[in-house]
N, C-alpha and C. Protein backbone atom coordinates (compact mmCIF):
# COMPACT_ATOMS: atom_id res chain seq x y z
N MET A 1 -55.17 135.83 16.44
CA MET A 1 -55.84 135.42 15.26
C MET A 1 -55.61 133.91 14.97
N ASP A 2 -56.68 133.23 14.70
CA ASP A 2 -56.69 131.89 14.37
C ASP A 2 -56.62 131.73 12.77
N ALA A 3 -55.49 131.28 12.29
CA ALA A 3 -55.27 131.23 10.83
C ALA A 3 -56.10 130.22 10.13
N GLU A 4 -56.49 129.09 10.85
CA GLU A 4 -57.27 128.05 10.20
C GLU A 4 -58.76 128.65 10.10
N LYS A 5 -59.23 129.31 10.99
CA LYS A 5 -60.60 129.90 10.99
C LYS A 5 -60.66 130.93 9.96
N MET A 6 -59.46 131.85 9.95
CA MET A 6 -59.50 132.89 8.91
C MET A 6 -59.51 132.24 7.47
N ASN A 7 -58.70 131.32 7.36
CA ASN A 7 -58.72 130.58 6.03
C ASN A 7 -60.07 130.23 5.55
N LYS A 8 -60.96 129.79 6.42
CA LYS A 8 -62.23 129.27 6.12
C LYS A 8 -63.26 130.52 5.79
N VAL A 9 -63.06 131.66 6.49
CA VAL A 9 -63.98 132.70 6.39
C VAL A 9 -63.50 133.84 5.37
N ILE A 10 -62.29 133.78 4.97
CA ILE A 10 -61.80 134.93 4.17
C ILE A 10 -62.47 134.97 2.80
N SER A 11 -62.72 133.86 2.08
CA SER A 11 -63.24 133.88 0.80
C SER A 11 -64.73 134.37 0.82
N PRO A 12 -65.57 133.84 1.75
CA PRO A 12 -66.98 134.32 1.78
C PRO A 12 -66.98 135.84 2.21
N LEU A 13 -66.08 136.26 3.05
CA LEU A 13 -66.02 137.58 3.48
C LEU A 13 -65.66 138.52 2.34
N ILE A 14 -64.74 138.14 1.61
CA ILE A 14 -64.36 139.02 0.40
C ILE A 14 -65.48 139.05 -0.54
N GLN A 15 -66.15 137.99 -0.86
CA GLN A 15 -67.35 137.92 -1.78
C GLN A 15 -68.42 138.88 -1.15
N LYS A 16 -68.68 138.81 0.18
CA LYS A 16 -69.77 139.55 0.74
C LYS A 16 -69.38 141.06 0.66
N LEU A 17 -68.21 141.42 0.81
CA LEU A 17 -67.73 142.79 0.73
C LEU A 17 -67.88 143.35 -0.65
N GLU A 18 -67.72 142.53 -1.69
CA GLU A 18 -67.96 142.93 -3.09
C GLU A 18 -69.40 143.09 -3.31
N LYS A 19 -70.29 142.27 -2.74
CA LYS A 19 -71.71 142.38 -2.92
C LYS A 19 -72.21 143.63 -2.25
N LEU A 20 -71.52 144.08 -1.08
CA LEU A 20 -71.97 145.24 -0.42
C LEU A 20 -71.35 146.53 -0.92
N GLU A 21 -70.77 146.38 -2.16
CA GLU A 21 -70.17 147.38 -2.86
C GLU A 21 -69.04 148.14 -2.10
N LYS A 22 -68.18 147.29 -1.62
CA LYS A 22 -66.87 147.66 -0.90
C LYS A 22 -65.74 147.00 -1.61
N PRO A 23 -65.61 147.18 -2.93
CA PRO A 23 -64.53 146.55 -3.68
C PRO A 23 -63.08 146.88 -3.29
N GLU A 24 -62.89 148.14 -2.86
CA GLU A 24 -61.62 148.39 -2.34
C GLU A 24 -61.16 147.73 -1.08
N LEU A 25 -62.06 147.59 -0.14
CA LEU A 25 -61.73 146.87 1.07
C LEU A 25 -61.57 145.43 0.84
N ALA A 26 -62.50 144.84 -0.11
CA ALA A 26 -62.32 143.47 -0.55
C ALA A 26 -60.97 143.16 -1.21
N ALA A 27 -60.47 144.07 -2.04
CA ALA A 27 -59.16 143.92 -2.62
C ALA A 27 -57.96 144.05 -1.60
N GLU A 28 -58.14 145.04 -0.70
CA GLU A 28 -57.13 145.15 0.25
C GLU A 28 -57.03 143.96 1.23
N LEU A 29 -58.22 143.43 1.59
CA LEU A 29 -58.29 142.24 2.44
C LEU A 29 -57.59 141.05 1.75
N SER A 30 -58.00 140.89 0.50
CA SER A 30 -57.47 139.81 -0.33
C SER A 30 -55.95 139.90 -0.44
N TRP A 31 -55.31 141.09 -0.67
CA TRP A 31 -53.96 141.35 -0.76
C TRP A 31 -53.34 141.04 0.60
N CYS A 32 -53.93 141.43 1.77
CA CYS A 32 -53.43 141.28 3.03
C CYS A 32 -53.38 139.77 3.39
N TRP A 33 -54.36 139.07 2.88
CA TRP A 33 -54.37 137.58 3.18
C TRP A 33 -53.21 136.87 2.42
N GLY A 34 -53.04 137.24 1.15
CA GLY A 34 -51.92 136.76 0.40
C GLY A 34 -50.59 137.07 1.14
N SER A 35 -50.45 138.40 1.49
CA SER A 35 -49.22 138.69 2.13
C SER A 35 -49.02 137.99 3.53
N TYR A 36 -50.07 137.77 4.28
CA TYR A 36 -50.00 137.00 5.42
C TYR A 36 -49.50 135.54 5.22
N GLN A 37 -49.99 135.01 4.18
CA GLN A 37 -49.59 133.65 3.85
C GLN A 37 -48.14 133.55 3.44
N HIS A 38 -47.64 134.60 2.87
CA HIS A 38 -46.30 134.69 2.48
C HIS A 38 -45.25 134.91 3.63
N ASP A 39 -45.58 135.85 4.49
CA ASP A 39 -44.69 136.25 5.58
C ASP A 39 -45.14 136.00 7.01
N GLN A 40 -46.34 135.54 7.11
CA GLN A 40 -46.96 135.22 8.45
C GLN A 40 -47.04 136.47 9.40
N ASN A 41 -47.02 137.59 8.89
CA ASN A 41 -47.19 138.85 9.61
C ASN A 41 -48.64 139.29 9.50
N PRO A 42 -49.40 139.17 10.64
CA PRO A 42 -50.81 139.36 10.57
C PRO A 42 -51.33 140.89 10.69
N SER A 43 -50.43 141.74 10.86
CA SER A 43 -50.78 143.17 11.22
C SER A 43 -51.80 143.72 10.25
N GLY A 44 -51.41 143.71 8.97
CA GLY A 44 -52.37 144.33 7.98
C GLY A 44 -53.64 143.54 7.87
N LEU A 45 -53.44 142.19 7.86
CA LEU A 45 -54.66 141.40 7.87
C LEU A 45 -55.61 141.68 9.01
N LEU A 46 -55.11 141.78 10.22
CA LEU A 46 -55.94 142.03 11.34
C LEU A 46 -56.60 143.51 11.23
N GLU A 47 -55.88 144.51 10.74
CA GLU A 47 -56.43 145.77 10.53
C GLU A 47 -57.61 145.78 9.53
N LYS A 48 -57.32 145.22 8.39
CA LYS A 48 -58.37 145.21 7.38
C LYS A 48 -59.56 144.26 7.80
N SER A 49 -59.29 143.18 8.47
CA SER A 49 -60.36 142.31 8.98
C SER A 49 -61.25 143.02 9.96
N ALA A 50 -60.71 143.86 10.78
CA ALA A 50 -61.44 144.63 11.79
C ALA A 50 -62.35 145.63 11.05
N LEU A 51 -61.88 146.15 10.04
CA LEU A 51 -62.64 147.15 9.21
C LEU A 51 -63.79 146.43 8.49
N ALA A 52 -63.54 145.25 7.96
CA ALA A 52 -64.54 144.40 7.32
C ALA A 52 -65.62 144.00 8.34
N LEU A 53 -65.20 143.70 9.59
CA LEU A 53 -66.12 143.26 10.59
C LEU A 53 -67.09 144.38 10.82
N GLU A 54 -66.57 145.59 10.94
CA GLU A 54 -67.47 146.81 11.24
C GLU A 54 -68.46 147.02 9.96
N VAL A 55 -67.95 146.77 8.80
CA VAL A 55 -68.76 146.97 7.57
C VAL A 55 -69.91 145.87 7.68
N ILE A 56 -69.59 144.71 7.80
CA ILE A 56 -70.61 143.64 7.78
C ILE A 56 -71.66 143.72 9.00
N LYS A 57 -71.11 144.06 10.10
CA LYS A 57 -71.96 144.33 11.24
C LYS A 57 -72.88 145.39 10.93
N SER A 58 -72.46 146.56 10.42
CA SER A 58 -73.27 147.68 10.08
C SER A 58 -74.33 147.32 9.03
N ALA A 59 -73.87 146.53 8.06
CA ALA A 59 -74.90 146.08 7.01
C ALA A 59 -75.94 145.15 7.59
N ARG A 60 -75.50 144.26 8.58
CA ARG A 60 -76.42 143.38 9.25
C ARG A 60 -77.52 144.22 10.06
N GLU A 61 -76.99 145.24 10.74
CA GLU A 61 -77.94 146.00 11.55
C GLU A 61 -79.08 146.69 10.68
N LYS A 62 -78.58 147.05 9.43
CA LYS A 62 -79.58 147.76 8.53
C LYS A 62 -80.46 146.68 7.92
N ASN A 63 -80.04 145.55 7.69
CA ASN A 63 -80.77 144.49 6.94
C ASN A 63 -80.22 143.17 7.30
N THR A 64 -81.00 142.47 8.20
CA THR A 64 -80.49 141.17 8.70
C THR A 64 -80.34 140.10 7.63
N LYS A 65 -81.06 140.25 6.55
CA LYS A 65 -80.99 139.29 5.43
C LYS A 65 -79.80 139.50 4.52
N GLN A 66 -79.18 140.71 4.65
CA GLN A 66 -78.05 141.13 3.80
C GLN A 66 -76.78 140.39 4.11
N VAL A 67 -76.58 140.18 5.40
CA VAL A 67 -75.34 139.54 5.94
C VAL A 67 -75.82 138.47 6.93
N GLY A 68 -75.32 137.25 6.74
CA GLY A 68 -75.66 136.28 7.70
C GLY A 68 -75.00 136.33 8.97
N LYS A 69 -75.65 135.97 10.09
CA LYS A 69 -75.17 135.87 11.31
C LYS A 69 -73.95 135.06 11.44
N LYS A 70 -73.98 133.96 10.80
CA LYS A 70 -72.79 133.01 10.75
C LYS A 70 -71.49 133.62 10.23
N LEU A 71 -71.56 134.47 9.23
CA LEU A 71 -70.36 135.14 8.73
C LEU A 71 -69.68 136.02 9.77
N VAL A 72 -70.67 136.83 10.51
CA VAL A 72 -70.20 137.65 11.50
C VAL A 72 -69.52 136.88 12.69
N GLN A 73 -70.13 135.89 13.02
CA GLN A 73 -69.65 135.04 14.15
C GLN A 73 -68.36 134.42 13.79
N GLU A 74 -68.22 133.90 12.53
CA GLU A 74 -67.06 133.22 12.15
C GLU A 74 -65.87 134.10 12.11
N LEU A 75 -66.03 135.39 11.62
CA LEU A 75 -65.06 136.35 11.50
C LEU A 75 -64.56 136.80 12.90
N GLU A 76 -65.55 137.05 13.79
CA GLU A 76 -65.21 137.37 15.23
C GLU A 76 -64.37 136.28 15.83
N SER A 77 -64.74 135.00 15.57
CA SER A 77 -64.06 133.85 16.13
C SER A 77 -62.65 133.81 15.60
N ALA A 78 -62.49 134.02 14.31
CA ALA A 78 -61.17 134.04 13.70
C ALA A 78 -60.19 135.09 14.27
N LEU A 79 -60.81 136.26 14.56
CA LEU A 79 -60.03 137.46 15.01
C LEU A 79 -59.61 137.27 16.57
N THR A 80 -60.29 136.39 17.24
CA THR A 80 -59.93 136.25 18.66
C THR A 80 -58.99 135.21 18.96
């Protein structure tokens, strides 16, 4: 995981999850990000980010205007 890239994508990702009516996942991801910043243990962040990636990819497949290609690409890049 690239922490700099994740730092850039986390806020837009959380906002998009809230717009997609996934407030629980958005809250969990936000909490995991804060936890990662505190202890530098990425396990929870990686798990929730992978779930978020599935959600936004699925939403993009259903409606390409609902989720931007850039957000998907930036998240994939941050996770690799």
